[in-house]
Amino acid sequence: MNKFCLKAVNNLFNLILLIVGATITFGKFINADYFSPFRIFLFIFVFVLFWQIIKQISIFFDNFKKNDFFFSVCLFLFVVLAFFFFHYFAVNPSWDYGMLYGIAKKICWQIPLENAEISYLAVYPWNYMMLYTYVAFFHFFEPSVFSLFCLGLGCIVLSLCFIYCALRNFLSSRQLFQYEIFLFLFFPFLFYTVLPYTHVLALFFISIICWLLVRIKDKLSWKNVLFLSILIAIGSLYKILVFIFGISLMIVLLIKKRYNLIIIPILSFFILRFLFFNWININEISYLSTAETKTSFLHYLYLGSNYETHGRYSDEDAHYAYEYCLLSANERNQFYIHAIQSRFKEMGFQKAVMLYMNKILDTWGDGLYFADNKLQREPLKYEAINEFFLYGKGYTIIRNFAQFIHIGLFMLIILGNWNQRDKRCEILILKLVILGLFIYLLIFETRSRYVFSFIPVLYLLSALQLKKIEKKEDYFKEKIKKVIE
């Protein structure tokens, strides 16, 4: 049973690596807006050279004290750059972020909510955690875009610290330096400081979970499982996708025959959700959120089946969440089932395949993780620097460099994890998380920014197998030497 499960997990993970790698490489044939295969192979070639250069520089980092100092300097520069970035690229809160920001201010100032705001909370009750995080934050700081920037910056800085600590647990000092460079060249960390929404808070909790997984390794005691489960449950209050960790943890507990602990993640998830929403109801701060008004999961399946938008958010599709919110849950579900069936009948097999190929490409092939789109929407300032970096030649440079780092990250994951049947709990859980995320975003509504929260998982998956990558590298170097000789 154990061998079969391990083999199944690794084979499915290999399949996903193959699908994502092939889709990104030949994405130009799916969507003309993406990079050509020539550009992708050029990125890979340049990344190999780049990796070798920083590997040579890493000779000077022969102890962890130097790494810690270098990380502190980089983190300080990151914070300084973030304030500069906010000054020029801050955006006016819009979409769900703007709605929650406006509601949080009114709650703090004790201003009655408008009907549209009450309807929003009734239809999307899972945004209450984010809303009351804003409200709590505004009790200590003036309600403003700058205050929320500080919240976002704090979450991302702490996330970077936890990712660094996780990497420090198993990498050598030289390898750690390579990943420090790699980590701080990941532009979306900087871009999302001015977009402090659920994906940023989810990133923070996922970073802590990843750090803890690396710390506990195979020691799945009830205390460790409980602590992990509580973190997962809190994170899932911000973004339900975080509970993929809970499902992955339960599967690994099943594989490891720790049957008595499987119930802990489920109980933690439901108890914390019950306590949180019960607290909202007791304090009379909920707004018509009932089983009859909140959005059905079928709504997100409906969004994910839109061929025109490649399964992404659509205003027209989202309109149904409000239009049918007063119908019974059964009536709404019947509508969505019928609408989804009609869509696939109209699409046919060929278009359905293209829909899913576009979804994979849009979700996993975007090196900026949708941050550029958010920054372009409603900038607070519009000066020459905005024009240059958001629309002009500067944007082209940033997009290419972000894609270069993105391709490098996936290349390391593929090289390190391809056909590797690793039994370590942390690797199994991380692989299962990516499997779950891939399946979820393939079926339901998708955006590349949903993957942003799981960046710590991608970094750890690439780093945990770095020794195997270096062995392969040495093997190929010896082969090349023999050919030359």
Protein backbone atom coordinates (compact mmCIF):
# COMPACT_ATOMS: atom_id res chain seq x y z
CA MET A 1 0.00 0.00 0.00
CA ASN A 2 2.76 2.45 1.02
CA LYS A 3 4.90 1.67 -2.03
CA PHE A 4 1.89 2.01 -4.32
CA CYS A 5 0.91 5.39 -2.79
CA LEU A 6 4.47 6.73 -2.97
CA LYS A 7 4.75 5.60 -6.58
CA ALA A 8 1.38 7.17 -7.43
CA VAL A 9 2.30 10.54 -5.83
CA ASN A 10 5.66 10.68 -7.61
CA ASN A 11 4.25 9.59 -10.99
CA LEU A 12 1.44 12.16 -10.80
CA PHE A 13 3.93 14.85 -9.80
CA ASN A 14 6.16 13.86 -12.76
CA LEU A 15 3.13 14.12 -15.05
CA ILE A 16 2.34 17.63 -13.80
CA LEU A 17 5.97 18.71 -14.24
CA LEU A 18 5.85 17.37 -17.81
CA ILE A 19 2.54 19.12 -18.61
CA VAL A 20 3.56 22.46 -17.08
CA GLY A 21 7.06 22.34 -18.61
CA ALA A 22 5.74 21.53 -22.10
CA THR A 23 2.94 24.10 -21.89
CA ILE A 24 5.31 26.90 -20.83
CA THR A 25 7.92 25.94 -23.45
CA PHE A 26 5.46 25.79 -26.36
CA GLY A 27 3.01 28.37 -25.00
CA LYS A 28 3.44 30.58 -28.08
CA PHE A 29 1.51 28.00 -30.12
CA ILE A 30 -1.37 28.15 -27.61
CA ASN A 31 -1.44 31.92 -27.05
CA ALA A 32 0.43 34.38 -29.27
CA ASP A 33 1.01 36.75 -26.32
CA TYR A 34 3.40 34.29 -24.66
CA PHE A 35 7.13 33.73 -25.14
CA SER A 36 8.42 31.68 -28.08
CA PRO A 37 10.20 28.32 -27.56
CA PHE A 38 13.42 30.00 -28.72
CA ARG A 39 13.07 32.63 -25.95
CA ILE A 40 12.33 29.93 -23.35
CA PHE A 41 15.42 27.91 -24.32
CA LEU A 42 17.47 31.13 -24.29
CA PHE A 43 16.22 31.80 -20.72
CA ILE A 44 17.25 28.27 -19.71
CA PHE A 45 20.73 28.67 -21.25
CA VAL A 46 21.27 32.07 -19.59
CA PHE A 47 19.96 30.76 -16.26
CA VAL A 48 22.48 27.90 -16.33
CA LEU A 49 25.29 30.47 -16.84
CA PHE A 50 23.80 32.73 -14.14
CA TRP A 51 23.60 29.79 -11.70
CA GLN A 52 27.24 28.89 -12.39
CA ILE A 53 28.36 32.50 -11.79
CA ILE A 54 26.64 32.80 -8.40
CA LYS A 55 27.93 29.32 -7.56
CA GLN A 56 31.49 30.58 -8.08
CA ILE A 57 30.80 33.70 -5.98
CA SER A 58 29.37 31.48 -3.22
CA ILE A 59 32.95 30.28 -2.47
CA PHE A 60 33.32 33.40 -0.30
CA PHE A 61 30.31 32.40 1.81
CA ASP A 62 31.91 29.61 3.82
CA ASN A 63 29.88 30.05 7.03
CA PHE A 64 26.32 30.88 8.01
CA LYS A 65 27.23 34.16 9.76
CA LYS A 66 28.13 35.65 6.39
CA ASN A 67 24.83 34.39 4.99
CA ASP A 68 22.87 35.93 7.85
CA PHE A 69 24.61 39.27 7.37
CA PHE A 70 24.06 39.19 3.60
CA PHE A 71 20.38 38.29 4.08
CA SER A 72 19.93 41.17 6.56
CA VAL A 73 21.49 43.65 4.11
CA CYS A 74 19.31 42.36 1.24
CA LEU A 75 16.20 42.53 3.44
CA PHE A 76 17.00 46.13 4.43
CA LEU A 77 17.49 47.09 0.77
CA PHE A 78 14.23 45.33 -0.08
CA VAL A 79 12.34 47.42 2.51
CA VAL A 80 13.91 50.65 1.24
CA LEU A 81 13.05 49.71 -2.35
CA ALA A 82 9.49 48.83 -1.26
CA PHE A 83 8.94 52.36 0.11
CA PHE A 84 10.29 53.80 -3.13
CA PHE A 85 8.00 51.44 -5.05
CA PHE A 86 4.98 52.52 -2.99
CA HIS A 87 5.74 56.19 -3.66
CA TYR A 88 5.58 55.73 -7.43
CA PHE A 89 3.43 52.64 -7.98
CA ALA A 90 0.79 52.59 -5.23
CA VAL A 91 -2.68 51.84 -6.56
CA ASN A 92 -6.14 52.98 -5.61
CA PRO A 93 -7.83 49.94 -3.96
CA SER A 94 -10.22 48.33 -6.44
CA TRP A 95 -11.82 44.89 -7.06
CA ASP A 96 -12.41 42.88 -3.83
CA TYR A 97 -9.45 44.57 -2.16
CA GLY A 98 -11.07 47.97 -2.67
CA MET A 99 -14.46 46.74 -1.47
CA LEU A 100 -13.02 45.35 1.78
CA TYR A 101 -10.88 48.47 2.29
CA GLY A 102 -13.96 50.70 1.97
CA ILE A 103 -16.06 48.50 4.31
CA ALA A 104 -13.24 48.35 6.91
CA LYS A 105 -13.01 52.16 6.98
CA LYS A 106 -16.77 52.49 7.48
CA ILE A 107 -16.75 49.95 10.31
CA CYS A 108 -13.90 51.83 12.03
CA TRP A 109 -15.68 55.17 11.58
CA GLN A 110 -19.08 53.62 12.50
CA ILE A 111 -20.67 54.61 9.18
CA PRO A 112 -23.61 52.45 8.02
CA LEU A 113 -22.83 50.17 5.07
CA GLU A 114 -24.51 50.62 1.70
CA ASN A 115 -26.70 47.89 0.19
CA ALA A 116 -23.99 46.92 -2.33
CA GLU A 117 -21.48 46.40 0.49
CA ILE A 118 -23.95 44.35 2.56
CA SER A 119 -24.74 42.23 -0.52
CA TYR A 120 -21.03 41.66 -1.13
CA LEU A 121 -20.50 40.29 2.40
CA ALA A 122 -23.62 38.15 2.12
CA VAL A 123 -22.43 36.58 -1.13
CA TYR A 124 -18.72 36.27 -0.17
CA PRO A 125 -18.64 35.56 3.60
CA TRP A 126 -15.18 33.92 3.40
CA ASN A 127 -13.68 37.42 3.05
CA TYR A 128 -14.63 38.27 6.65
CA MET A 129 -11.18 37.24 7.95
CA MET A 130 -9.45 39.64 5.59
CA LEU A 131 -11.99 42.35 6.39
CA TYR A 132 -11.48 42.13 10.14
CA THR A 133 -7.72 41.97 9.71
CA TYR A 134 -8.03 45.38 8.05
CA VAL A 135 -10.37 46.58 10.82
CA ALA A 136 -7.97 45.39 13.55
CA PHE A 137 -5.05 47.03 11.77
CA PHE A 138 -6.99 50.31 11.45
CA HIS A 139 -7.49 50.39 15.22
CA PHE A 140 -3.74 50.97 15.56
CA PHE A 141 -3.02 52.89 12.35
CA GLU A 142 -4.94 55.50 10.40
CA PRO A 143 -7.16 53.88 7.71
CA SER A 144 -5.21 54.61 4.53
CA VAL A 145 -3.56 52.96 1.55
CA PHE A 146 -0.18 53.56 3.22
CA SER A 147 -1.27 51.65 6.35
CA LEU A 148 -2.27 48.65 4.24
CA PHE A 149 1.02 48.89 2.36
CA CYS A 150 2.78 48.55 5.74
CA LEU A 151 0.64 45.48 6.47
CA GLY A 152 1.53 43.93 3.11
CA LEU A 153 5.21 44.81 3.45
CA GLY A 154 5.32 43.33 6.97
CA CYS A 155 3.74 40.06 5.80
CA ILE A 156 6.12 39.72 2.84
CA VAL A 157 9.23 40.60 4.90
CA LEU A 158 8.26 38.00 7.52
CA SER A 159 7.52 35.49 4.73
CA LEU A 160 11.02 36.04 3.32
CA CYS A 161 12.47 35.47 6.80
CA PHE A 162 10.60 32.18 7.24
CA ILE A 163 11.59 30.99 3.74
CA TYR A 164 15.21 31.86 4.52
CA CYS A 165 15.07 30.02 7.88
CA ALA A 166 13.55 26.99 6.16
CA LEU A 167 16.32 26.95 3.53
CA ARG A 168 18.96 27.47 6.25
CA ASN A 169 17.85 24.21 7.88
CA PHE A 170 19.14 21.93 5.14
CA LEU A 171 21.35 23.85 2.66
CA SER A 172 25.08 24.39 3.02
CA SER A 173 26.29 27.98 3.46
CA ARG A 174 27.33 28.15 -0.21
CA GLN A 175 24.04 26.75 -1.45
CA LEU A 176 22.15 29.12 0.84
CA PHE A 177 23.90 32.12 -0.76
CA GLN A 178 22.74 30.94 -4.20
CA TYR A 179 19.15 30.82 -2.97
CA GLU A 180 19.43 34.22 -1.24
CA ILE A 181 20.26 35.79 -4.61
CA PHE A 182 17.53 33.76 -6.28
CA LEU A 183 14.97 34.78 -3.63
CA PHE A 184 15.55 38.53 -3.78
CA LEU A 185 15.47 38.59 -7.59
CA PHE A 186 11.88 37.35 -7.49
CA PHE A 187 10.10 40.61 -8.43
CA PRO A 188 6.50 39.70 -7.42
CA PHE A 189 7.52 39.89 -3.74
CA LEU A 190 8.16 43.60 -4.25
CA PHE A 191 5.12 44.20 -6.46
CA TYR A 192 2.64 42.62 -4.05
CA THR A 193 3.68 44.86 -1.14
CA VAL A 194 1.24 47.46 -2.53
CA LEU A 195 -1.50 44.82 -3.03
CA PRO A 196 -2.11 43.50 0.51
CA TYR A 197 -5.01 41.17 -0.15
CA THR A 198 -5.72 37.51 0.77
CA HIS A 199 -2.88 36.05 -1.33
CA VAL A 200 -0.33 38.07 0.70
CA LEU A 201 -1.71 36.89 4.06
CA ALA A 202 -1.91 33.33 2.69
CA LEU A 203 1.76 33.63 1.62
CA PHE A 204 2.67 34.54 5.21
CA PHE A 205 0.96 31.47 6.69
CA ILE A 206 2.25 29.14 3.98
CA SER A 207 5.81 30.37 4.68
CA ILE A 208 5.41 29.49 8.37
CA ILE A 209 3.92 26.08 7.47
CA CYS A 210 6.82 25.34 5.09
CA TRP A 211 9.38 26.36 7.72
CA LEU A 212 7.70 24.11 10.28
CA LEU A 213 7.55 21.18 7.83
CA VAL A 214 11.30 21.43 7.24
CA ARG A 215 11.93 21.69 11.00
CA ILE A 216 9.87 18.67 12.06
CA LYS A 217 10.78 16.48 9.04
CA ASP A 218 9.45 12.96 9.72
CA LYS A 219 8.54 13.66 13.37
CA LEU A 220 4.78 13.60 12.95
CA SER A 221 3.89 13.62 16.64
CA TRP A 222 0.41 14.71 17.69
CA LYS A 223 1.80 18.07 18.92
CA ASN A 224 3.50 18.80 15.59
CA VAL A 225 0.44 17.73 13.60
CA LEU A 226 -1.83 19.85 15.82
CA PHE A 227 0.39 22.93 15.45
CA LEU A 228 0.53 22.45 11.67
CA SER A 229 -3.24 21.92 11.52
CA ILE A 230 -3.97 25.14 13.47
CA LEU A 231 -1.72 27.17 11.16
CA ILE A 232 -3.38 25.59 8.11
CA ALA A 233 -6.85 26.29 9.52
CA ILE A 234 -6.04 29.97 10.24
CA GLY A 235 -4.45 30.40 6.80
CA SER A 236 -7.51 28.85 5.15
CA LEU A 237 -9.69 31.55 6.74
CA TYR A 238 -7.86 33.98 4.44
CA LYS A 239 -7.72 31.69 1.43
CA ILE A 240 -9.42 28.30 1.29
CA LEU A 241 -6.64 27.01 -1.00
CA VAL A 242 -4.37 26.85 2.06
CA PHE A 243 -6.38 23.82 3.23
CA ILE A 244 -4.72 21.86 0.41
CA PHE A 245 -1.91 21.57 2.98
CA GLY A 246 -4.40 19.96 5.37
CA ILE A 247 -5.51 17.41 2.77
CA SER A 248 -1.87 16.69 1.85
CA LEU A 249 -0.97 16.24 5.51
CA MET A 250 -3.84 13.75 5.97
CA ILE A 251 -2.71 11.75 2.90
CA VAL A 252 0.87 11.55 4.25
CA LEU A 253 -0.44 10.49 7.69
CA LEU A 254 -2.39 7.76 5.90
CA ILE A 255 0.71 6.63 3.94
CA LYS A 256 2.78 6.63 7.15
CA LYS A 257 0.03 4.66 8.95
CA ARG A 258 -0.58 7.37 11.57
CA TYR A 259 -4.31 6.76 11.42
CA ASN A 260 -5.06 8.20 14.86
CA LEU A 261 -3.78 11.65 13.79
CA ILE A 262 -5.74 11.99 10.51
CA ILE A 263 -8.73 13.55 12.26
CA ILE A 264 -6.68 16.48 13.68
CA PRO A 265 -6.46 18.61 10.48
CA ILE A 266 -10.21 18.16 9.79
CA LEU A 267 -11.24 19.02 13.37
CA SER A 268 -8.92 22.05 13.47
CA PHE A 269 -10.33 23.33 10.19
CA PHE A 270 -14.01 23.04 11.19
CA ILE A 271 -13.60 24.11 14.83
CA LEU A 272 -11.68 27.29 13.96
CA ARG A 273 -14.16 28.20 11.21
CA PHE A 274 -17.06 27.57 13.58
CA LEU A 275 -15.50 29.72 16.34
CA PHE A 276 -14.66 32.56 13.95
CA PHE A 277 -18.08 32.77 12.26
CA ASN A 278 -19.83 32.23 15.60
CA TRP A 279 -17.87 35.19 17.01
CA ILE A 280 -19.05 37.28 14.05
CA ASN A 281 -22.69 36.32 14.65
CA ILE A 282 -22.52 36.86 18.44
CA ASN A 283 -21.10 40.35 17.91
CA GLU A 284 -23.79 41.06 15.29
CA ILE A 285 -21.26 42.03 12.67
CA SER A 286 -22.35 39.60 9.96
CA TYR A 287 -24.46 40.84 7.07
CA LEU A 288 -27.06 38.36 5.86
CA SER A 289 -24.49 35.57 5.37
CA THR A 290 -26.48 32.37 5.26
CA ALA A 291 -26.25 29.12 3.37
CA GLU A 292 -28.90 30.54 1.03
CA THR A 293 -26.99 33.70 0.09
CA LYS A 294 -23.31 32.75 -0.02
CA THR A 295 -21.80 31.73 -3.33
CA SER A 296 -21.85 28.04 -4.24
CA PHE A 297 -18.63 26.24 -5.19
CA LEU A 298 -20.38 25.60 -8.52
CA HIS A 299 -20.12 29.34 -9.20
CA TYR A 300 -16.32 29.02 -9.33
CA LEU A 301 -16.64 25.92 -11.48
CA TYR A 302 -18.81 28.01 -13.81
CA LEU A 303 -16.18 30.77 -13.92
CA GLY A 304 -13.53 28.16 -14.64
CA SER A 305 -15.43 26.84 -17.65
CA ASN A 306 -15.48 30.16 -19.54
CA TYR A 307 -13.67 29.60 -22.85
CA GLU A 308 -13.43 33.31 -23.71
CA THR A 309 -11.68 34.28 -20.44
CA HIS A 310 -9.60 31.06 -20.21
CA GLY A 311 -11.37 30.17 -16.96
CA ARG A 312 -10.52 33.45 -15.27
CA TYR A 313 -12.79 35.95 -13.53
CA SER A 314 -15.56 37.45 -15.65
CA ASP A 315 -17.87 40.32 -14.62
CA GLU A 316 -20.67 38.78 -16.64
CA ASP A 317 -20.30 35.40 -14.91
CA ALA A 318 -19.83 36.98 -11.48
CA HIS A 319 -23.11 38.87 -11.94
CA TYR A 320 -25.00 35.59 -11.41
CA ALA A 321 -23.64 35.34 -7.86
CA TYR A 322 -25.74 38.42 -6.98
CA GLU A 323 -28.64 37.79 -9.35
CA TYR A 324 -29.38 34.34 -7.90
CA CYS A 325 -28.31 34.90 -4.27
CA LEU A 326 -31.92 35.09 -3.06
CA LEU A 327 -32.87 31.80 -4.70
CA SER A 328 -32.64 28.60 -2.72
CA ALA A 329 -29.28 26.82 -2.74
CA ASN A 330 -30.82 23.95 -4.71
CA GLU A 331 -32.22 26.28 -7.41
CA ARG A 332 -28.89 28.05 -7.80
CA ASN A 333 -27.02 24.76 -8.05
CA GLN A 334 -29.42 23.54 -10.72
CA PHE A 335 -28.82 26.71 -12.71
CA TYR A 336 -25.04 26.34 -12.54
CA ILE A 337 -25.08 22.63 -13.42
CA HIS A 338 -27.25 23.32 -16.47
CA ALA A 339 -25.10 26.34 -17.51
CA ILE A 340 -21.83 24.38 -17.19
CA GLN A 341 -23.22 21.45 -19.19
CA SER A 342 -24.40 23.87 -21.92
CA ARG A 343 -20.98 25.48 -22.11
CA PHE A 344 -19.16 22.20 -22.67
CA LYS A 345 -21.70 21.06 -25.26
CA GLU A 346 -21.16 24.32 -27.18
CA MET A 347 -17.37 24.07 -26.89
CA GLY A 348 -16.95 20.52 -28.07
CA PHE A 349 -13.87 18.40 -27.37
CA GLN A 350 -11.28 20.48 -29.26
CA LYS A 351 -12.25 23.79 -27.65
CA ALA A 352 -12.44 22.14 -24.22
CA VAL A 353 -8.84 20.92 -24.62
CA MET A 354 -7.77 24.44 -25.68
CA LEU A 355 -9.57 25.88 -22.64
CA TYR A 356 -7.54 23.72 -20.26
CA MET A 357 -4.27 24.30 -22.10
CA ASN A 358 -4.85 28.06 -21.85
CA LYS A 359 -5.73 27.71 -18.17
CA ILE A 360 -2.46 25.87 -17.48
CA LEU A 361 -0.47 28.44 -19.45
CA ASP A 362 -2.13 31.47 -17.84
CA THR A 363 -1.81 30.00 -14.35
CA TRP A 364 1.68 28.50 -14.39
CA GLY A 365 3.37 30.42 -17.20
CA ASP A 366 3.21 33.97 -15.83
CA GLY A 367 6.47 35.13 -14.22
CA LEU A 368 4.82 38.27 -12.81
CA TYR A 369 1.93 36.33 -11.22
CA PHE A 370 -0.67 38.86 -12.42
CA ALA A 371 0.90 41.70 -10.37
CA ASP A 372 1.45 43.80 -13.50
CA ASN A 373 -2.27 43.73 -14.30
CA LYS A 374 -3.17 44.92 -10.79
CA LEU A 375 -0.55 47.70 -10.87
CA GLN A 376 -1.82 48.96 -14.23
CA ARG A 377 -5.46 49.33 -13.12
CA GLU A 378 -5.74 52.43 -10.94
CA PRO A 379 -2.33 53.95 -10.11
CA LEU A 380 -2.48 56.79 -7.55
CA LYS A 381 0.17 58.62 -9.58
CA TYR A 382 0.71 58.67 -13.29
CA GLU A 383 4.14 60.02 -14.18
CA ALA A 384 6.83 59.22 -16.73
CA ILE A 385 8.24 56.47 -14.49
CA ASN A 386 4.83 54.72 -14.43
CA GLU A 387 4.56 54.92 -18.21
CA PHE A 388 8.06 53.49 -18.63
CA PHE A 389 7.79 50.58 -16.17
CA LEU A 390 4.13 49.66 -16.57
CA TYR A 391 3.65 50.11 -20.32
CA GLY A 392 6.95 51.03 -22.03
CA LYS A 393 10.36 49.46 -22.55
CA GLY A 394 10.87 49.12 -18.79
CA TYR A 395 7.85 46.82 -18.61
CA THR A 396 9.30 44.61 -21.38
CA ILE A 397 12.58 44.32 -19.44
CA ILE A 398 10.81 43.51 -16.16
CA ARG A 399 8.50 40.97 -17.80
CA ASN A 400 11.42 39.21 -19.49
CA PHE A 401 13.52 39.13 -16.33
CA ALA A 402 10.60 37.90 -14.20
CA GLN A 403 9.97 35.14 -16.74
CA PHE A 404 13.69 34.29 -16.68
CA ILE A 405 13.57 33.75 -12.89
CA HIS A 406 10.26 31.88 -13.19
CA ILE A 407 11.69 29.50 -15.83
CA GLY A 408 14.80 28.99 -13.69
CA LEU A 409 12.69 28.06 -10.67
CA PHE A 410 10.72 25.45 -12.62
CA MET A 411 13.89 24.14 -14.24
CA LEU A 412 15.40 23.47 -10.79
CA ILE A 413 12.17 21.78 -9.64
CA ILE A 414 12.13 19.53 -12.72
CA LEU A 415 15.84 18.65 -12.50
CA GLY A 416 15.65 17.89 -8.79
CA ASN A 417 12.34 16.06 -8.60
CA TRP A 418 11.99 14.26 -11.92
CA ASN A 419 11.54 10.53 -11.28
CA GLN A 420 12.70 10.88 -7.65
CA ARG A 421 10.83 8.64 -5.19
CA ASP A 422 11.68 10.51 -2.02
CA LYS A 423 10.03 9.20 1.16
CA ARG A 424 10.68 12.30 3.29
CA CYS A 425 7.43 13.65 4.76
CA GLU A 426 8.16 17.29 3.93
CA ILE A 427 8.80 16.52 0.25
CA LEU A 428 5.73 14.28 0.00
CA ILE A 429 3.50 16.99 1.52
CA LEU A 430 4.92 19.71 -0.75
CA LYS A 431 4.46 17.53 -3.84
CA LEU A 432 0.88 16.75 -2.85
CA VAL A 433 0.22 20.48 -2.31
CA ILE A 434 1.32 21.27 -5.87
CA LEU A 435 -0.75 18.33 -7.15
CA GLY A 436 -3.82 19.63 -5.31
CA LEU A 437 -3.26 23.21 -6.42
CA PHE A 438 -2.82 22.15 -10.04
CA ILE A 439 -6.06 20.12 -10.04
CA TYR A 440 -8.05 22.84 -8.23
CA LEU A 441 -6.96 25.64 -10.57
CA LEU A 442 -7.51 23.41 -13.59
CA ILE A 443 -11.14 22.81 -12.60
CA PHE A 444 -12.21 26.04 -10.91
CA GLU A 445 -11.65 29.75 -11.58
CA THR A 446 -7.96 30.45 -12.00
CA ARG A 447 -5.42 33.28 -11.86
CA SER A 448 -1.63 33.16 -11.74
CA ARG A 449 -1.80 35.30 -8.57
CA TYR A 450 -3.33 32.30 -6.77
CA VAL A 451 -0.01 30.49 -7.30
CA PHE A 452 1.88 33.46 -5.76
CA SER A 453 0.84 32.39 -2.24
CA PHE A 454 2.52 29.01 -2.87
CA ILE A 455 5.91 30.38 -3.93
CA PRO A 456 7.56 29.07 -0.70
CA VAL A 457 6.48 25.55 -1.76
CA LEU A 458 8.11 25.98 -5.20
CA TYR A 459 11.35 27.32 -3.69
CA LEU A 460 11.58 24.50 -1.16
CA LEU A 461 10.82 21.82 -3.76
CA SER A 462 13.69 23.11 -5.89
CA ALA A 463 16.09 23.46 -2.93
CA LEU A 464 15.37 20.18 -1.11
CA GLN A 465 16.77 18.23 -4.07
CA LEU A 466 19.72 20.55 -4.75
CA LYS A 467 22.27 17.88 -3.85
CA LYS A 468 20.79 15.59 -6.51
CA ILE A 469 20.93 18.44 -9.04
CA GLU A 470 24.62 18.99 -8.22
CA LYS A 471 25.32 15.27 -8.63
CA LYS A 472 23.70 15.35 -12.07
CA GLU A 473 25.69 18.48 -12.88
CA ASP A 474 28.99 16.79 -11.90
CA TYR A 475 28.04 13.72 -13.95
CA PHE A 476 27.47 15.81 -17.09
CA LYS A 477 30.68 17.78 -16.53
CA GLU A 478 32.66 14.51 -16.41
CA LYS A 479 30.96 13.33 -19.61
CA ILE A 480 31.81 16.59 -21.38
CA LYS A 481 35.44 16.35 -20.20
CA LYS A 482 35.75 12.83 -21.59
CA VAL A 483 34.28 13.94 -24.93
CA ILE A 484 36.74 16.89 -25.12
CA GLU A 485 39.71 14.66 -24.20
